[in-house]
Amino acid sequence: MLVLTRRANQSIMIGADIVVTVLEVRGDQVRIGIDAPRSISVHREEVFRELEAANRAAASPGTGALEGLSALRPPPERRPG
């Protein structure tokens, strides 16, 4: 982890197109502004973890999901024989 010291209105660059600026320091809270391209998602860590968990849950079918799908299939046609 890189640790930097910055004061209010000072910034750091991440790559060539992300700027993180310290907006305000008040007690134990720091307000920061992040300027990044729209193609880059920026989330608080706890929100990011919740999104990851929700995506994993949505991508993993429950145990009864496959049985439920097979019930939707029409029965195979019987051929005279």
N, C-alpha and C. Protein backbone atom coordinates (compact mmCIF):
# COMPACT_ATOMS: atom_id res chain seq x y z
N MET A 1 0.85 -1.17 0.00
CA MET A 1 0.00 0.00 0.00
C MET A 1 0.90 1.24 0.00
N LEU A 2 0.58 2.14 -0.86
CA LEU A 2 1.27 3.42 -0.91
C LEU A 2 0.55 4.38 0.04
N VAL A 3 1.28 5.03 0.93
CA VAL A 3 0.71 5.99 1.87
C VAL A 3 1.26 7.37 1.53
N LEU A 4 0.36 8.31 1.30
CA LEU A 4 0.75 9.68 0.95
C LEU A 4 0.13 10.65 1.94
N THR A 5 0.79 11.75 2.17
CA THR A 5 0.24 12.82 2.99
C THR A 5 -0.16 13.96 2.07
N ARG A 6 -1.41 14.39 2.20
CA ARG A 6 -1.92 15.49 1.39
C ARG A 6 -2.71 16.42 2.29
N ARG A 7 -2.79 17.66 1.92
CA ARG A 7 -3.61 18.64 2.63
C ARG A 7 -4.82 18.97 1.77
N ALA A 8 -5.75 19.72 2.34
CA ALA A 8 -6.94 20.14 1.59
C ALA A 8 -6.52 20.83 0.30
N ASN A 9 -7.23 20.53 -0.75
CA ASN A 9 -7.01 21.07 -2.10
C ASN A 9 -5.76 20.54 -2.77
N GLN A 10 -5.13 19.50 -2.21
CA GLN A 10 -4.03 18.85 -2.90
C GLN A 10 -4.54 17.54 -3.48
N SER A 11 -3.89 17.08 -4.56
CA SER A 11 -4.37 15.91 -5.30
C SER A 11 -3.28 14.88 -5.47
N ILE A 12 -3.72 13.69 -5.87
CA ILE A 12 -2.81 12.65 -6.35
C ILE A 12 -3.35 12.16 -7.68
N MET A 13 -2.47 11.66 -8.51
CA MET A 13 -2.85 11.11 -9.82
C MET A 13 -2.73 9.60 -9.77
N ILE A 14 -3.71 8.93 -10.34
CA ILE A 14 -3.65 7.49 -10.53
C ILE A 14 -3.68 7.27 -12.03
N GLY A 15 -2.57 6.83 -12.57
CA GLY A 15 -2.45 6.75 -14.02
C GLY A 15 -2.49 8.16 -14.58
N ALA A 16 -2.90 8.26 -15.84
CA ALA A 16 -2.93 9.56 -16.50
C ALA A 16 -4.30 10.22 -16.45
N ASP A 17 -5.34 9.47 -16.00
CA ASP A 17 -6.69 10.02 -16.13
C ASP A 17 -7.55 9.94 -14.87
N ILE A 18 -6.97 9.65 -13.71
CA ILE A 18 -7.73 9.64 -12.47
C ILE A 18 -7.05 10.59 -11.49
N VAL A 19 -7.84 11.54 -10.98
CA VAL A 19 -7.33 12.52 -10.02
C VAL A 19 -8.14 12.38 -8.73
N VAL A 20 -7.44 12.19 -7.62
CA VAL A 20 -8.08 12.13 -6.31
C VAL A 20 -7.65 13.39 -5.56
N THR A 21 -8.63 14.20 -5.15
CA THR A 21 -8.35 15.48 -4.49
C THR A 21 -8.90 15.46 -3.07
N VAL A 22 -8.10 15.91 -2.11
CA VAL A 22 -8.57 16.07 -0.74
C VAL A 22 -9.36 17.38 -0.72
N LEU A 23 -10.66 17.30 -0.42
CA LEU A 23 -11.50 18.49 -0.42
C LEU A 23 -11.52 19.16 0.95
N GLU A 24 -11.58 18.32 2.00
CA GLU A 24 -11.71 18.89 3.34
C GLU A 24 -11.27 17.86 4.37
N VAL A 25 -10.64 18.32 5.43
CA VAL A 25 -10.28 17.47 6.55
C VAL A 25 -10.93 18.09 7.78
N ARG A 26 -11.80 17.29 8.43
CA ARG A 26 -12.50 17.79 9.60
C ARG A 26 -12.48 16.70 10.66
N GLY A 27 -11.66 16.86 11.69
CA GLY A 27 -11.53 15.84 12.73
C GLY A 27 -10.98 14.56 12.14
N ASP A 28 -11.72 13.46 12.32
CA ASP A 28 -11.26 12.18 11.77
C ASP A 28 -11.92 11.84 10.44
N GLN A 29 -12.56 12.83 9.82
CA GLN A 29 -13.18 12.61 8.50
C GLN A 29 -12.43 13.39 7.43
N VAL A 30 -12.28 12.73 6.28
CA VAL A 30 -11.64 13.35 5.13
C VAL A 30 -12.61 13.27 3.96
N ARG A 31 -12.91 14.39 3.35
CA ARG A 31 -13.75 14.40 2.14
C ARG A 31 -12.82 14.42 0.95
N ILE A 32 -13.05 13.50 0.02
CA ILE A 32 -12.23 13.45 -1.18
C ILE A 32 -13.12 13.55 -2.41
N GLY A 33 -12.55 14.05 -3.48
CA GLY A 33 -13.21 14.08 -4.77
C GLY A 33 -12.41 13.23 -5.73
N ILE A 34 -13.12 12.50 -6.58
CA ILE A 34 -12.47 11.61 -7.53
C ILE A 34 -12.94 11.99 -8.93
N ASP A 35 -12.00 12.33 -9.77
CA ASP A 35 -12.29 12.66 -11.16
C ASP A 35 -11.73 11.52 -12.00
N ALA A 36 -12.65 10.75 -12.61
CA ALA A 36 -12.26 9.58 -13.40
C ALA A 36 -13.15 9.50 -14.64
N PRO A 37 -12.67 8.83 -15.68
CA PRO A 37 -13.51 8.63 -16.87
C PRO A 37 -14.78 7.86 -16.51
N ARG A 38 -15.85 8.09 -17.24
CA ARG A 38 -17.12 7.39 -16.98
C ARG A 38 -17.00 5.88 -17.13
N SER A 39 -16.02 5.43 -17.86
CA SER A 39 -15.85 3.99 -18.08
C SER A 39 -15.27 3.27 -16.85
N ILE A 40 -14.85 4.04 -15.85
CA ILE A 40 -14.28 3.45 -14.64
C ILE A 40 -15.29 3.61 -13.51
N SER A 41 -15.68 2.50 -12.90
CA SER A 41 -16.61 2.53 -11.78
C SER A 41 -15.87 2.95 -10.51
N VAL A 42 -16.51 3.83 -9.76
CA VAL A 42 -15.95 4.28 -8.49
C VAL A 42 -17.02 4.06 -7.43
N HIS A 43 -16.71 3.24 -6.42
CA HIS A 43 -17.65 2.93 -5.34
C HIS A 43 -16.93 2.98 -4.01
N ARG A 44 -17.68 3.22 -2.95
CA ARG A 44 -17.13 3.00 -1.61
C ARG A 44 -16.89 1.50 -1.47
N GLU A 45 -15.92 1.12 -0.67
CA GLU A 45 -15.55 -0.30 -0.56
C GLU A 45 -16.73 -1.16 -0.12
N GLU A 46 -17.49 -0.72 0.87
CA GLU A 46 -18.59 -1.55 1.36
C GLU A 46 -19.68 -1.74 0.31
N VAL A 47 -19.91 -0.72 -0.51
CA VAL A 47 -20.88 -0.84 -1.60
C VAL A 47 -20.35 -1.79 -2.66
N PHE A 48 -19.07 -1.69 -2.97
CA PHE A 48 -18.45 -2.58 -3.96
C PHE A 48 -18.57 -4.03 -3.52
N ARG A 49 -18.32 -4.31 -2.23
CA ARG A 49 -18.42 -5.69 -1.72
C ARG A 49 -19.85 -6.20 -1.82
N GLU A 50 -20.84 -5.36 -1.53
CA GLU A 50 -22.24 -5.76 -1.65
C GLU A 50 -22.61 -6.05 -3.10
N LEU A 51 -22.12 -5.22 -4.03
CA LEU A 51 -22.38 -5.46 -5.45
C LEU A 51 -21.78 -6.79 -5.90
N GLU A 52 -20.55 -7.06 -5.46
CA GLU A 52 -19.91 -8.33 -5.81
C GLU A 52 -20.72 -9.51 -5.30
N ALA A 53 -21.17 -9.45 -4.05
CA ALA A 53 -21.95 -10.54 -3.47
C ALA A 53 -23.27 -10.72 -4.21
N ALA A 54 -23.93 -9.62 -4.55
CA ALA A 54 -25.20 -9.71 -5.28
C ALA A 54 -24.99 -10.31 -6.66
N ASN A 55 -23.91 -9.92 -7.34
CA ASN A 55 -23.62 -10.47 -8.66
C ASN A 55 -23.33 -11.96 -8.59
N ARG A 56 -22.56 -12.37 -7.58
CA ARG A 56 -22.28 -13.80 -7.41
C ARG A 56 -23.56 -14.58 -7.15
N ALA A 57 -24.43 -14.04 -6.30
CA ALA A 57 -25.69 -14.72 -5.99
C ALA A 57 -26.57 -14.82 -7.22
N ALA A 58 -26.60 -13.78 -8.03
CA ALA A 58 -27.43 -13.79 -9.23
C ALA A 58 -26.90 -14.76 -10.28
N ALA A 59 -25.59 -14.97 -10.29
CA ALA A 59 -24.99 -15.84 -11.30
C ALA A 59 -24.99 -17.31 -10.87
N SER A 60 -25.35 -17.58 -9.62
CA SER A 60 -25.34 -18.96 -9.12
C SER A 60 -26.78 -19.43 -8.93
N PRO A 61 -27.24 -20.34 -9.77
CA PRO A 61 -28.62 -20.81 -9.62
C PRO A 61 -28.79 -21.60 -8.34
N GLY A 62 -29.96 -21.51 -7.76
CA GLY A 62 -30.27 -22.29 -6.57
C GLY A 62 -30.38 -23.76 -6.90
N THR A 63 -30.47 -24.59 -5.87
CA THR A 63 -30.49 -26.04 -6.08
C THR A 63 -31.72 -26.49 -6.87
N GLY A 64 -32.83 -25.83 -6.72
CA GLY A 64 -34.03 -26.24 -7.43
C GLY A 64 -34.22 -25.58 -8.78
N ALA A 65 -33.30 -24.72 -9.17
CA ALA A 65 -33.48 -23.95 -10.40
C ALA A 65 -33.50 -24.85 -11.63
N LEU A 66 -32.62 -25.83 -11.71
CA LEU A 66 -32.57 -26.69 -12.89
C LEU A 66 -33.82 -27.57 -12.97
N GLU A 67 -34.28 -28.06 -11.82
CA GLU A 67 -35.52 -28.84 -11.84
C GLU A 67 -36.69 -27.99 -12.31
N GLY A 68 -36.72 -26.73 -11.87
CA GLY A 68 -37.78 -25.82 -12.30
C GLY A 68 -37.73 -25.56 -13.78
N LEU A 69 -36.56 -25.47 -14.35
CA LEU A 69 -36.44 -25.26 -15.79
C LEU A 69 -36.90 -26.49 -16.57
N SER A 70 -36.55 -27.66 -16.09
CA SER A 70 -36.95 -28.87 -16.81
C SER A 70 -38.46 -29.05 -16.78
N ALA A 71 -39.12 -28.53 -15.75
CA ALA A 71 -40.58 -28.63 -15.69
C ALA A 71 -41.23 -27.74 -16.75
N LEU A 72 -40.54 -26.74 -17.22
CA LEU A 72 -41.08 -25.84 -18.23
C LEU A 72 -40.97 -26.40 -19.64
N ARG A 73 -40.11 -27.39 -19.83
CA ARG A 73 -39.95 -27.97 -21.17
C ARG A 73 -41.16 -28.82 -21.51
N PRO A 74 -41.62 -28.74 -22.76
CA PRO A 74 -42.73 -29.59 -23.15
C PRO A 74 -42.27 -31.05 -23.19
N PRO A 75 -43.17 -31.96 -22.94
CA PRO A 75 -42.79 -33.38 -23.00
C PRO A 75 -42.37 -33.75 -24.43
N PRO A 76 -41.47 -34.70 -24.58
CA PRO A 76 -41.05 -35.10 -25.93
C PRO A 76 -42.23 -35.72 -26.67
N GLU A 77 -42.24 -35.47 -27.98
CA GLU A 77 -43.32 -36.03 -28.81
C GLU A 77 -43.09 -37.53 -28.97
N ARG A 78 -44.17 -38.24 -28.92
CA ARG A 78 -44.07 -39.69 -29.14
C ARG A 78 -44.30 -39.97 -30.62
N ARG A 79 -43.43 -40.78 -31.14
CA ARG A 79 -43.55 -41.16 -32.54
C ARG A 79 -44.26 -42.51 -32.62
N PRO A 80 -45.12 -42.61 -33.56
CA PRO A 80 -45.81 -43.92 -33.69
C PRO A 80 -44.78 -44.98 -34.06
N GLY A 81 -44.89 -46.05 -33.44
CA GLY A 81 -43.87 -46.98 -33.76
C GLY A 81 -44.17 -48.35 -33.50
